[in-house]
């Protein structure tokens, strides 16, 4: 197995840079994560479905933005 030329610290720096550049999207994604870990929110199936749809959409937009889609 060969190792990538990109180090873990490089990936962290790129991630932090992307978070700074796209704070609003990162905040939305984190808010969805928090809600999906809330037992009260998990009792509402419609809410969970909508949150999962929103999270999928945010992730798809991020992949598209960075050409990973």
N, C-alpha and C. Protein backbone atom coordinates (compact mmCIF):
# COMPACT_ATOMS: atom_id res chain seq x y z
N UNK A 1 0.84 -1.17 0.00
CA UNK A 1 0.00 0.00 0.00
C UNK A 1 0.89 1.24 0.00
N UNK A 2 0.60 2.18 -0.86
CA UNK A 2 1.38 3.41 -0.92
C UNK A 2 0.65 4.52 -0.18
N UNK A 3 1.42 5.39 0.39
CA UNK A 3 0.84 6.53 1.12
C UNK A 3 0.68 7.71 0.18
N UNK A 4 -0.34 8.49 0.41
CA UNK A 4 -0.59 9.67 -0.39
C UNK A 4 0.45 10.75 -0.05
N UNK A 5 0.68 11.62 -1.01
CA UNK A 5 1.62 12.72 -0.78
C UNK A 5 1.01 13.79 0.13
N UNK A 6 -0.28 13.71 0.35
CA UNK A 6 -0.96 14.69 1.20
C UNK A 6 -0.94 14.17 2.64
N UNK A 7 -0.46 14.99 3.54
CA UNK A 7 -0.37 14.59 4.95
C UNK A 7 -1.67 14.93 5.68
N UNK A 8 -1.81 14.34 6.83
CA UNK A 8 -2.99 14.59 7.68
C UNK A 8 -3.08 16.08 8.02
N UNK A 9 -1.97 16.68 8.36
CA UNK A 9 -2.00 18.11 8.72
C UNK A 9 -2.41 18.97 7.53
N UNK A 10 -2.02 18.58 6.31
CA UNK A 10 -2.46 19.31 5.11
C UNK A 10 -3.98 19.24 4.96
N UNK A 11 -4.53 18.04 5.19
CA UNK A 11 -5.98 17.88 5.08
C UNK A 11 -6.71 18.72 6.12
N UNK A 12 -6.17 18.77 7.32
CA UNK A 12 -6.77 19.57 8.38
C UNK A 12 -6.75 21.05 7.99
N UNK A 13 -5.63 21.52 7.48
CA UNK A 13 -5.53 22.92 7.08
C UNK A 13 -6.51 23.26 5.96
N UNK A 14 -6.65 22.38 4.99
CA UNK A 14 -7.60 22.61 3.90
C UNK A 14 -9.03 22.62 4.45
N UNK A 15 -9.33 21.71 5.34
CA UNK A 15 -10.67 21.66 5.94
C UNK A 15 -10.98 22.94 6.71
N UNK A 16 -10.02 23.38 7.51
CA UNK A 16 -10.23 24.62 8.27
C UNK A 16 -10.41 25.82 7.35
N UNK A 17 -9.64 25.86 6.29
CA UNK A 17 -9.77 26.95 5.32
C UNK A 17 -11.16 26.94 4.69
N UNK A 18 -11.63 25.74 4.33
CA UNK A 18 -12.97 25.63 3.74
C UNK A 18 -14.05 26.03 4.73
N UNK A 19 -13.89 25.64 6.00
CA UNK A 19 -14.87 26.04 7.02
C UNK A 19 -14.92 27.56 7.15
N UNK A 20 -13.75 28.19 7.15
CA UNK A 20 -13.72 29.65 7.26
C UNK A 20 -14.39 30.31 6.06
N UNK A 21 -14.13 29.77 4.90
CA UNK A 21 -14.68 30.34 3.67
C UNK A 21 -16.19 30.13 3.55
N UNK A 22 -16.69 29.06 4.13
CA UNK A 22 -18.10 28.70 3.99
C UNK A 22 -18.74 28.47 5.35
N UNK A 23 -18.58 29.45 6.23
CA UNK A 23 -19.09 29.33 7.60
C UNK A 23 -20.60 29.07 7.66
N UNK A 24 -21.36 29.73 6.83
CA UNK A 24 -22.81 29.58 6.88
C UNK A 24 -23.23 28.15 6.58
N UNK A 25 -22.61 27.55 5.54
CA UNK A 25 -22.94 26.17 5.20
C UNK A 25 -22.50 25.22 6.30
N UNK A 26 -21.33 25.47 6.87
CA UNK A 26 -20.83 24.63 7.95
C UNK A 26 -21.75 24.73 9.17
N UNK A 27 -22.23 25.93 9.46
CA UNK A 27 -23.15 26.11 10.59
C UNK A 27 -24.46 25.37 10.36
N UNK A 28 -24.97 25.43 9.14
CA UNK A 28 -26.21 24.70 8.83
C UNK A 28 -26.02 23.20 8.99
N UNK A 29 -24.91 22.69 8.45
CA UNK A 29 -24.64 21.26 8.54
C UNK A 29 -24.51 20.83 10.00
N UNK A 30 -23.80 21.63 10.80
CA UNK A 30 -23.63 21.31 12.22
C UNK A 30 -24.97 21.37 12.96
N UNK A 31 -25.80 22.35 12.63
CA UNK A 31 -27.12 22.44 13.27
C UNK A 31 -27.96 21.19 12.97
N UNK A 32 -27.89 20.70 11.75
CA UNK A 32 -28.61 19.48 11.40
C UNK A 32 -28.06 18.31 12.21
N UNK A 33 -26.74 18.21 12.33
CA UNK A 33 -26.12 17.14 13.12
C UNK A 33 -26.60 17.19 14.57
N UNK A 34 -26.66 18.39 15.14
CA UNK A 34 -27.11 18.54 16.53
C UNK A 34 -28.56 18.09 16.65
N UNK A 35 -29.41 18.53 15.75
CA UNK A 35 -30.81 18.13 15.80
C UNK A 35 -30.99 16.62 15.63
N UNK A 36 -30.18 16.02 14.76
CA UNK A 36 -30.29 14.57 14.54
C UNK A 36 -29.76 13.76 15.73
N UNK A 37 -29.12 14.41 16.67
CA UNK A 37 -28.67 13.71 17.87
C UNK A 37 -29.58 14.00 19.07
N UNK A 38 -30.63 14.79 18.86
CA UNK A 38 -31.56 15.15 19.92
C UNK A 38 -32.68 14.11 20.01
N UNK A 39 -32.81 13.43 21.14
CA UNK A 39 -33.85 12.39 21.26
C UNK A 39 -35.26 12.92 20.99
N UNK A 40 -35.55 14.15 21.39
CA UNK A 40 -36.88 14.71 21.15
C UNK A 40 -37.13 14.91 19.66
N UNK A 41 -36.13 15.39 18.94
CA UNK A 41 -36.27 15.60 17.50
C UNK A 41 -36.42 14.26 16.78
N UNK A 42 -35.75 13.25 17.28
CA UNK A 42 -35.79 11.94 16.64
C UNK A 42 -37.17 11.27 16.75
N UNK A 43 -38.01 11.77 17.63
CA UNK A 43 -39.36 11.22 17.77
C UNK A 43 -40.27 11.66 16.62
N UNK A 44 -39.90 12.71 15.91
CA UNK A 44 -40.71 13.24 14.81
C UNK A 44 -40.14 12.73 13.48
N UNK A 45 -40.79 11.70 12.93
CA UNK A 45 -40.29 11.09 11.70
C UNK A 45 -40.21 12.06 10.53
N UNK A 46 -41.22 12.94 10.41
CA UNK A 46 -41.20 13.92 9.32
C UNK A 46 -40.02 14.87 9.46
N UNK A 47 -39.75 15.32 10.67
CA UNK A 47 -38.62 16.21 10.91
C UNK A 47 -37.31 15.51 10.57
N UNK A 48 -37.16 14.27 11.00
CA UNK A 48 -35.93 13.52 10.71
C UNK A 48 -35.75 13.37 9.20
N UNK A 49 -36.82 13.05 8.49
CA UNK A 49 -36.73 12.93 7.02
C UNK A 49 -36.28 14.24 6.39
N UNK A 50 -36.85 15.34 6.84
CA UNK A 50 -36.49 16.64 6.27
C UNK A 50 -35.06 17.03 6.62
N UNK A 51 -34.64 16.73 7.84
CA UNK A 51 -33.26 17.03 8.24
C UNK A 51 -32.27 16.21 7.43
N UNK A 52 -32.57 14.94 7.21
CA UNK A 52 -31.69 14.09 6.40
C UNK A 52 -31.63 14.58 4.96
N UNK A 53 -32.77 15.02 4.43
CA UNK A 53 -32.80 15.57 3.08
C UNK A 53 -31.96 16.84 3.00
N UNK A 54 -32.09 17.70 3.99
CA UNK A 54 -31.30 18.93 4.03
C UNK A 54 -29.81 18.62 4.13
N UNK A 55 -29.46 17.67 4.97
CA UNK A 55 -28.05 17.30 5.11
C UNK A 55 -27.51 16.73 3.80
N UNK A 56 -28.27 15.88 3.14
CA UNK A 56 -27.85 15.34 1.85
C UNK A 56 -27.64 16.45 0.83
N UNK A 57 -28.55 17.43 0.84
CA UNK A 57 -28.43 18.55 -0.09
C UNK A 57 -27.19 19.39 0.18
N UNK A 58 -26.93 19.67 1.46
CA UNK A 58 -25.74 20.44 1.83
C UNK A 58 -24.47 19.70 1.42
N UNK A 59 -24.45 18.39 1.65
CA UNK A 59 -23.27 17.61 1.28
C UNK A 59 -23.09 17.56 -0.24
N UNK A 60 -24.19 17.42 -0.98
CA UNK A 60 -24.11 17.40 -2.44
C UNK A 60 -23.60 18.73 -2.98
N UNK A 61 -24.07 19.83 -2.42
CA UNK A 61 -23.61 21.15 -2.85
C UNK A 61 -22.12 21.34 -2.56
N UNK A 62 -21.68 20.84 -1.42
CA UNK A 62 -20.27 20.94 -1.08
C UNK A 62 -19.42 20.12 -2.04
N UNK A 63 -19.86 18.89 -2.33
CA UNK A 63 -19.12 18.06 -3.29
C UNK A 63 -19.06 18.72 -4.65
N UNK A 64 -20.17 19.29 -5.07
CA UNK A 64 -20.22 19.97 -6.36
C UNK A 64 -19.27 21.16 -6.39
N UNK A 65 -19.27 21.93 -5.32
CA UNK A 65 -18.41 23.11 -5.22
C UNK A 65 -16.94 22.75 -5.37
N UNK A 66 -16.55 21.61 -4.84
CA UNK A 66 -15.14 21.22 -4.87
C UNK A 66 -14.83 20.18 -5.93
N UNK A 67 -15.79 19.92 -6.81
CA UNK A 67 -15.55 19.01 -7.92
C UNK A 67 -15.40 17.57 -7.53
N UNK A 68 -16.04 17.16 -6.44
CA UNK A 68 -15.96 15.79 -5.98
C UNK A 68 -17.20 15.00 -6.39
N UNK A 69 -18.19 15.67 -6.91
CA UNK A 69 -19.47 15.03 -7.23
C UNK A 69 -19.35 14.04 -8.35
